[in-house]
Amino acid sequence: MKTLHGHFPILAVLIASILCTLPSSALSRKESEQAGANLFRDKGCAYCHGTNAQGTSKGPSLAHVRTALQPSQISNQILNGGQKMPSFQDSLSNDEIAQLVAYLRSKHRPLPTPVQVPPPLSNPAQ
């Protein structure tokens, strides 16, 4: 299989690129939940709310948010912030917010897709 710069299979890169550009309405429920898990990790949510949304000293647990809040309430909190939480309306698209809500409301939250770090480039001339 051909690879991109010898590190990632081209097919995997293409699929990831396509999924990232699709609006959340075009994604299945599971794909939206997975995209939301990745956003939770990548957009800083885990910094305050913990890797698995279990809560930290910086932010509360979101373990039961699916039963405590309606989707519109979760979206509003993400958009406008409140108490110690900052607003994310300038840094998240509507589709990303919908994906985060799908993740937070999922009954069995998916784990974020592992981040693949390419090995260091070797210089065969040395």
N, C-alpha and C. Protein backbone atom coordinates (compact mmCIF):
# COMPACT_ATOMS: atom_id res chain seq x y z
N MET A 1 0.85 -1.16 0.00
CA MET A 1 0.00 0.00 0.00
C MET A 1 0.90 1.23 0.00
N LYS A 2 0.59 2.20 -0.86
CA LYS A 2 1.36 3.43 -0.89
C LYS A 2 1.10 4.21 0.38
N THR A 3 2.10 4.94 0.80
CA THR A 3 1.94 5.74 2.00
C THR A 3 2.29 7.18 1.71
N LEU A 4 1.77 8.05 2.54
CA LEU A 4 2.03 9.47 2.45
C LEU A 4 3.25 9.76 3.30
N HIS A 5 4.33 10.17 2.70
CA HIS A 5 5.59 10.43 3.40
C HIS A 5 6.06 9.19 4.16
N GLY A 6 5.64 8.01 3.76
CA GLY A 6 6.08 6.79 4.39
C GLY A 6 5.52 6.55 5.78
N HIS A 7 4.53 7.34 6.21
CA HIS A 7 4.06 7.21 7.59
C HIS A 7 2.61 6.76 7.71
N PHE A 8 1.73 7.28 6.88
CA PHE A 8 0.32 6.97 7.03
C PHE A 8 -0.22 6.41 5.71
N PRO A 9 -1.05 5.40 5.80
CA PRO A 9 -1.67 4.92 4.57
C PRO A 9 -2.53 6.03 3.95
N ILE A 10 -2.42 6.21 2.66
CA ILE A 10 -3.15 7.27 1.97
C ILE A 10 -4.65 7.11 2.17
N LEU A 11 -5.14 5.89 2.13
CA LEU A 11 -6.58 5.67 2.29
C LEU A 11 -7.07 6.19 3.65
N ALA A 12 -6.33 5.93 4.71
CA ALA A 12 -6.74 6.39 6.04
C ALA A 12 -6.77 7.92 6.10
N VAL A 13 -5.80 8.55 5.48
CA VAL A 13 -5.75 10.01 5.47
C VAL A 13 -6.93 10.58 4.69
N LEU A 14 -7.24 9.96 3.56
CA LEU A 14 -8.37 10.43 2.75
C LEU A 14 -9.69 10.27 3.50
N ILE A 15 -9.88 9.14 4.13
CA ILE A 15 -11.12 8.91 4.87
C ILE A 15 -11.26 9.91 6.01
N ALA A 16 -10.19 10.11 6.76
CA ALA A 16 -10.23 11.08 7.86
C ALA A 16 -10.53 12.48 7.34
N SER A 17 -9.94 12.85 6.21
CA SER A 17 -10.19 14.18 5.64
C SER A 17 -11.64 14.34 5.23
N ILE A 18 -12.20 13.33 4.63
CA ILE A 18 -13.59 13.39 4.19
C ILE A 18 -14.52 13.49 5.40
N LEU A 19 -14.28 12.67 6.43
CA LEU A 19 -15.14 12.70 7.61
C LEU A 19 -15.07 14.04 8.32
N CYS A 20 -13.91 14.66 8.32
CA CYS A 20 -13.77 15.95 9.00
C CYS A 20 -14.48 17.07 8.26
N THR A 21 -14.70 16.92 6.96
CA THR A 21 -15.32 17.98 6.19
C THR A 21 -16.82 17.79 6.01
N LEU A 22 -17.33 16.61 6.34
CA LEU A 22 -18.76 16.38 6.20
C LEU A 22 -19.53 17.09 7.30
N PRO A 23 -20.67 17.68 6.99
CA PRO A 23 -21.48 18.25 8.06
C PRO A 23 -22.00 17.12 8.95
N SER A 24 -22.24 17.43 10.22
CA SER A 24 -22.64 16.38 11.15
C SER A 24 -23.94 15.71 10.72
N SER A 25 -24.79 16.44 10.00
CA SER A 25 -26.05 15.84 9.55
C SER A 25 -25.79 14.71 8.54
N ALA A 26 -24.62 14.73 7.88
CA ALA A 26 -24.28 13.69 6.93
C ALA A 26 -23.64 12.49 7.62
N LEU A 27 -23.27 12.64 8.87
CA LEU A 27 -22.64 11.56 9.61
C LEU A 27 -23.70 10.73 10.33
N SER A 28 -23.42 9.45 10.49
CA SER A 28 -24.32 8.61 11.28
C SER A 28 -24.20 9.02 12.75
N ARG A 29 -25.09 8.52 13.56
CA ARG A 29 -25.06 8.83 14.99
C ARG A 29 -23.72 8.41 15.58
N LYS A 30 -23.26 7.20 15.26
CA LYS A 30 -22.00 6.71 15.80
C LYS A 30 -20.82 7.53 15.30
N GLU A 31 -20.85 7.94 14.05
CA GLU A 31 -19.78 8.78 13.50
C GLU A 31 -19.76 10.15 14.18
N SER A 32 -20.94 10.71 14.45
CA SER A 32 -21.03 11.99 15.15
C SER A 32 -20.50 11.86 16.57
N GLU A 33 -20.86 10.77 17.25
CA GLU A 33 -20.37 10.55 18.60
C GLU A 33 -18.85 10.41 18.61
N GLN A 34 -18.30 9.69 17.63
CA GLN A 34 -16.85 9.51 17.55
C GLN A 34 -16.16 10.84 17.25
N ALA A 35 -16.73 11.60 16.32
CA ALA A 35 -16.17 12.92 16.00
C ALA A 35 -16.22 13.81 17.24
N GLY A 36 -17.30 13.73 18.01
CA GLY A 36 -17.41 14.50 19.25
C GLY A 36 -16.38 14.08 20.28
N ALA A 37 -16.09 12.78 20.38
CA ALA A 37 -15.05 12.29 21.30
C ALA A 37 -13.69 12.89 20.92
N ASN A 38 -13.41 12.93 19.63
CA ASN A 38 -12.15 13.49 19.16
C ASN A 38 -12.09 14.99 19.44
N LEU A 39 -13.20 15.69 19.22
CA LEU A 39 -13.25 17.12 19.51
C LEU A 39 -13.08 17.38 21.01
N PHE A 40 -13.70 16.56 21.83
CA PHE A 40 -13.59 16.70 23.29
C PHE A 40 -12.12 16.66 23.69
N ARG A 41 -11.38 15.76 23.08
CA ARG A 41 -9.95 15.65 23.35
C ARG A 41 -9.17 16.82 22.75
N ASP A 42 -9.47 17.16 21.49
CA ASP A 42 -8.64 18.11 20.73
C ASP A 42 -8.94 19.57 21.00
N LYS A 43 -10.14 19.91 21.43
CA LYS A 43 -10.52 21.31 21.62
C LYS A 43 -10.37 21.78 23.07
N GLY A 44 -9.81 20.95 23.92
CA GLY A 44 -9.50 21.37 25.28
C GLY A 44 -10.54 21.02 26.33
N CYS A 45 -11.62 20.38 25.95
CA CYS A 45 -12.66 20.02 26.92
C CYS A 45 -12.09 19.11 28.02
N ALA A 46 -11.26 18.16 27.58
CA ALA A 46 -10.69 17.19 28.53
C ALA A 46 -9.77 17.87 29.53
N TYR A 47 -9.21 19.01 29.19
CA TYR A 47 -8.33 19.72 30.11
C TYR A 47 -9.06 20.06 31.41
N CYS A 48 -10.28 20.53 31.30
CA CYS A 48 -11.06 20.90 32.49
C CYS A 48 -11.96 19.78 32.99
N HIS A 49 -12.54 19.03 32.07
CA HIS A 49 -13.55 18.03 32.46
C HIS A 49 -12.99 16.62 32.58
N GLY A 50 -11.71 16.43 32.30
CA GLY A 50 -11.09 15.11 32.42
C GLY A 50 -11.17 14.32 31.14
N THR A 51 -10.24 13.42 30.98
CA THR A 51 -10.12 12.62 29.76
C THR A 51 -11.41 11.90 29.41
N ASN A 52 -12.08 11.36 30.40
CA ASN A 52 -13.32 10.62 30.18
C ASN A 52 -14.53 11.39 30.70
N ALA A 53 -14.41 12.72 30.78
CA ALA A 53 -15.48 13.60 31.26
C ALA A 53 -15.85 13.32 32.71
N GLN A 54 -14.90 12.76 33.47
CA GLN A 54 -15.16 12.40 34.86
C GLN A 54 -15.07 13.59 35.80
N GLY A 55 -14.59 14.74 35.30
CA GLY A 55 -14.46 15.93 36.12
C GLY A 55 -13.07 16.04 36.72
N THR A 56 -12.67 17.26 36.99
CA THR A 56 -11.39 17.55 37.63
C THR A 56 -11.61 18.72 38.58
N SER A 57 -10.54 19.20 39.17
CA SER A 57 -10.67 20.37 40.05
C SER A 57 -11.01 21.63 39.24
N LYS A 58 -10.80 21.60 37.92
CA LYS A 58 -11.07 22.75 37.05
C LYS A 58 -12.50 22.76 36.50
N GLY A 59 -13.09 21.59 36.32
CA GLY A 59 -14.42 21.50 35.73
C GLY A 59 -15.20 20.31 36.25
N PRO A 60 -16.52 20.41 36.26
CA PRO A 60 -17.35 19.33 36.81
C PRO A 60 -17.40 18.09 35.92
N SER A 61 -17.80 17.01 36.51
CA SER A 61 -18.03 15.77 35.78
C SER A 61 -19.19 15.97 34.80
N LEU A 62 -19.05 15.40 33.64
CA LEU A 62 -20.12 15.43 32.64
C LEU A 62 -20.69 14.02 32.44
N ALA A 63 -20.43 13.15 33.41
CA ALA A 63 -20.83 11.75 33.30
C ALA A 63 -22.33 11.59 33.12
N HIS A 64 -23.12 12.45 33.76
CA HIS A 64 -24.58 12.29 33.71
C HIS A 64 -25.27 13.44 32.98
N VAL A 65 -24.52 14.18 32.20
CA VAL A 65 -25.10 15.33 31.50
C VAL A 65 -26.19 14.89 30.52
N ARG A 66 -26.09 13.69 29.99
CA ARG A 66 -27.09 13.22 29.02
C ARG A 66 -28.48 13.11 29.62
N THR A 67 -28.55 12.85 30.92
CA THR A 67 -29.86 12.75 31.57
C THR A 67 -30.25 14.03 32.29
N ALA A 68 -29.26 14.89 32.56
CA ALA A 68 -29.53 16.11 33.32
C ALA A 68 -29.92 17.29 32.45
N LEU A 69 -29.43 17.33 31.21
CA LEU A 69 -29.67 18.48 30.33
C LEU A 69 -30.21 18.04 28.97
N GLN A 70 -31.03 18.89 28.40
CA GLN A 70 -31.52 18.68 27.03
C GLN A 70 -30.40 19.07 26.06
N PRO A 71 -30.42 18.56 24.82
CA PRO A 71 -29.39 18.93 23.84
C PRO A 71 -29.24 20.44 23.67
N SER A 72 -30.35 21.17 23.66
CA SER A 72 -30.27 22.62 23.50
C SER A 72 -29.57 23.28 24.69
N GLN A 73 -29.73 22.73 25.88
CA GLN A 73 -29.06 23.27 27.06
C GLN A 73 -27.55 23.02 27.00
N ILE A 74 -27.17 21.85 26.51
CA ILE A 74 -25.75 21.53 26.38
C ILE A 74 -25.13 22.45 25.33
N SER A 75 -25.81 22.62 24.19
CA SER A 75 -25.32 23.52 23.14
C SER A 75 -25.17 24.93 23.67
N ASN A 76 -26.15 25.41 24.41
CA ASN A 76 -26.11 26.75 24.97
C ASN A 76 -24.92 26.93 25.91
N GLN A 77 -24.66 25.93 26.72
CA GLN A 77 -23.52 25.99 27.65
C GLN A 77 -22.20 26.05 26.88
N ILE A 78 -22.08 25.26 25.82
CA ILE A 78 -20.86 25.28 25.02
C ILE A 78 -20.71 26.63 24.31
N LEU A 79 -21.79 27.11 23.73
CA LEU A 79 -21.74 28.38 23.00
C LEU A 79 -21.45 29.57 23.90
N ASN A 80 -22.15 29.66 25.02
CA ASN A 80 -22.11 30.86 25.85
C ASN A 80 -21.28 30.74 27.12
N GLY A 81 -20.89 29.52 27.47
CA GLY A 81 -20.13 29.34 28.71
C GLY A 81 -21.00 29.64 29.91
N GLY A 82 -20.37 29.92 31.01
CA GLY A 82 -21.09 30.23 32.23
C GLY A 82 -20.29 29.80 33.42
N GLN A 83 -20.47 30.48 34.52
CA GLN A 83 -19.67 30.27 35.72
C GLN A 83 -18.19 30.33 35.34
N LYS A 84 -17.42 29.28 35.48
CA LYS A 84 -16.00 29.30 35.13
C LYS A 84 -15.74 28.93 33.67
N MET A 85 -16.73 28.38 32.99
CA MET A 85 -16.52 27.89 31.62
C MET A 85 -16.55 29.05 30.62
N PRO A 86 -15.53 29.10 29.74
CA PRO A 86 -15.53 30.15 28.72
C PRO A 86 -16.51 29.80 27.59
N SER A 87 -16.84 30.80 26.80
CA SER A 87 -17.65 30.62 25.61
C SER A 87 -16.79 30.01 24.51
N PHE A 88 -17.37 29.11 23.72
CA PHE A 88 -16.66 28.51 22.60
C PHE A 88 -17.32 28.86 21.26
N GLN A 89 -18.19 29.88 21.24
CA GLN A 89 -18.89 30.21 20.00
C GLN A 89 -17.95 30.69 18.90
N ASP A 90 -16.80 31.25 19.26
CA ASP A 90 -15.86 31.72 18.24
C ASP A 90 -14.88 30.66 17.79
N SER A 91 -14.84 29.53 18.49
CA SER A 91 -13.85 28.52 18.13
C SER A 91 -14.45 27.18 17.68
N LEU A 92 -15.77 27.05 17.71
CA LEU A 92 -16.42 25.82 17.27
C LEU A 92 -17.50 26.14 16.26
N SER A 93 -17.60 25.31 15.23
CA SER A 93 -18.68 25.46 14.25
C SER A 93 -19.95 24.83 14.81
N ASN A 94 -21.07 25.09 14.16
CA ASN A 94 -22.33 24.47 14.58
C ASN A 94 -22.25 22.95 14.48
N ASP A 95 -21.59 22.46 13.44
CA ASP A 95 -21.44 21.01 13.28
C ASP A 95 -20.59 20.42 14.41
N GLU A 96 -19.53 21.12 14.79
CA GLU A 96 -18.69 20.64 15.89
C GLU A 96 -19.46 20.62 17.21
N ILE A 97 -20.26 21.64 17.44
CA ILE A 97 -21.08 21.66 18.65
C ILE A 97 -22.06 20.50 18.65
N ALA A 98 -22.67 20.25 17.50
CA ALA A 98 -23.61 19.11 17.39
C ALA A 98 -22.88 17.79 17.66
N GLN A 99 -21.65 17.67 17.20
CA GLN A 99 -20.87 16.45 17.43
C GLN A 99 -20.51 16.31 18.91
N LEU A 100 -20.15 17.41 19.56
CA LEU A 100 -19.87 17.36 21.00
C LEU A 100 -21.12 16.97 21.78
N VAL A 101 -22.26 17.52 21.39
CA VAL A 101 -23.52 17.17 22.05
C VAL A 101 -23.82 15.69 21.84
N ALA A 102 -23.61 15.19 20.62
CA ALA A 102 -23.84 13.76 20.35
C ALA A 102 -22.95 12.90 21.24
N TYR A 103 -21.70 13.30 21.38
CA TYR A 103 -20.78 12.57 22.25
C TYR A 103 -21.25 12.60 23.71
N LEU A 104 -21.57 13.79 24.20
CA LEU A 104 -21.96 13.93 25.60
C LEU A 104 -23.29 13.23 25.90
N ARG A 105 -24.16 13.11 24.89
CA ARG A 105 -25.46 12.47 25.09
C ARG A 105 -25.44 10.99 24.77
N SER A 106 -24.32 10.48 24.28
CA SER A 106 -24.27 9.06 23.92
C SER A 106 -24.34 8.19 25.18
N LYS A 107 -25.04 7.10 25.04
CA LYS A 107 -25.21 6.19 26.18
C LYS A 107 -23.89 5.52 26.53
N HIS A 108 -23.16 5.11 25.51
CA HIS A 108 -21.84 4.49 25.70
C HIS A 108 -20.84 5.35 24.93
N ARG A 109 -20.21 6.26 25.62
CA ARG A 109 -19.31 7.21 24.98
C ARG A 109 -18.11 6.50 24.37
N PRO A 110 -17.84 6.80 23.10
CA PRO A 110 -16.66 6.21 22.47
C PRO A 110 -15.39 6.87 23.00
N LEU A 111 -14.30 6.14 22.92
CA LEU A 111 -13.00 6.72 23.24
C LEU A 111 -12.51 7.50 22.03
N PRO A 112 -11.74 8.55 22.26
CA PRO A 112 -11.19 9.27 21.11
C PRO A 112 -10.31 8.35 20.27
N THR A 113 -10.30 8.61 18.98
CA THR A 113 -9.43 7.86 18.09
C THR A 113 -7.99 8.13 18.51
N PRO A 114 -7.17 7.10 18.66
CA PRO A 114 -5.79 7.33 19.07
C PRO A 114 -5.07 8.24 18.07
N VAL A 115 -4.29 9.15 18.60
CA VAL A 115 -3.49 10.04 17.75
C VAL A 115 -2.23 9.28 17.36
N GLN A 116 -2.01 9.19 16.07
CA GLN A 116 -0.82 8.50 15.58
C GLN A 116 0.29 9.52 15.39
N VAL A 117 1.36 9.31 16.10
CA VAL A 117 2.52 10.19 15.97
C VAL A 117 3.50 9.50 15.05
N PRO A 118 3.87 10.16 13.95
CA PRO A 118 4.81 9.52 13.04
C PRO A 118 6.18 9.38 13.68
N PRO A 119 6.90 8.32 13.32
CA PRO A 119 8.25 8.18 13.86
C PRO A 119 9.13 9.30 13.31
N PRO A 120 10.20 9.63 14.01
CA PRO A 120 11.08 10.67 13.50
C PRO A 120 11.66 10.28 12.15
N LEU A 121 11.85 11.28 11.32
CA LEU A 121 12.44 11.01 10.01
C LEU A 121 13.90 10.63 10.20
N SER A 122 14.29 9.58 9.51
CA SER A 122 15.69 9.19 9.60
C SER A 122 16.40 9.71 8.35
N ASN A 123 17.64 10.03 8.50
CA ASN A 123 18.43 10.52 7.40
C ASN A 123 19.45 9.45 7.04
N PRO A 124 19.18 8.69 5.95
CA PRO A 124 20.07 7.58 5.61
C PRO A 124 21.47 8.03 5.19
N ALA A 125 21.67 9.32 4.91
CA ALA A 125 22.96 9.81 4.46
C ALA A 125 23.95 9.94 5.62
N GLN A 126 23.45 9.88 6.84
CA GLN A 126 24.36 10.05 7.99
C GLN A 126 25.00 8.77 8.39
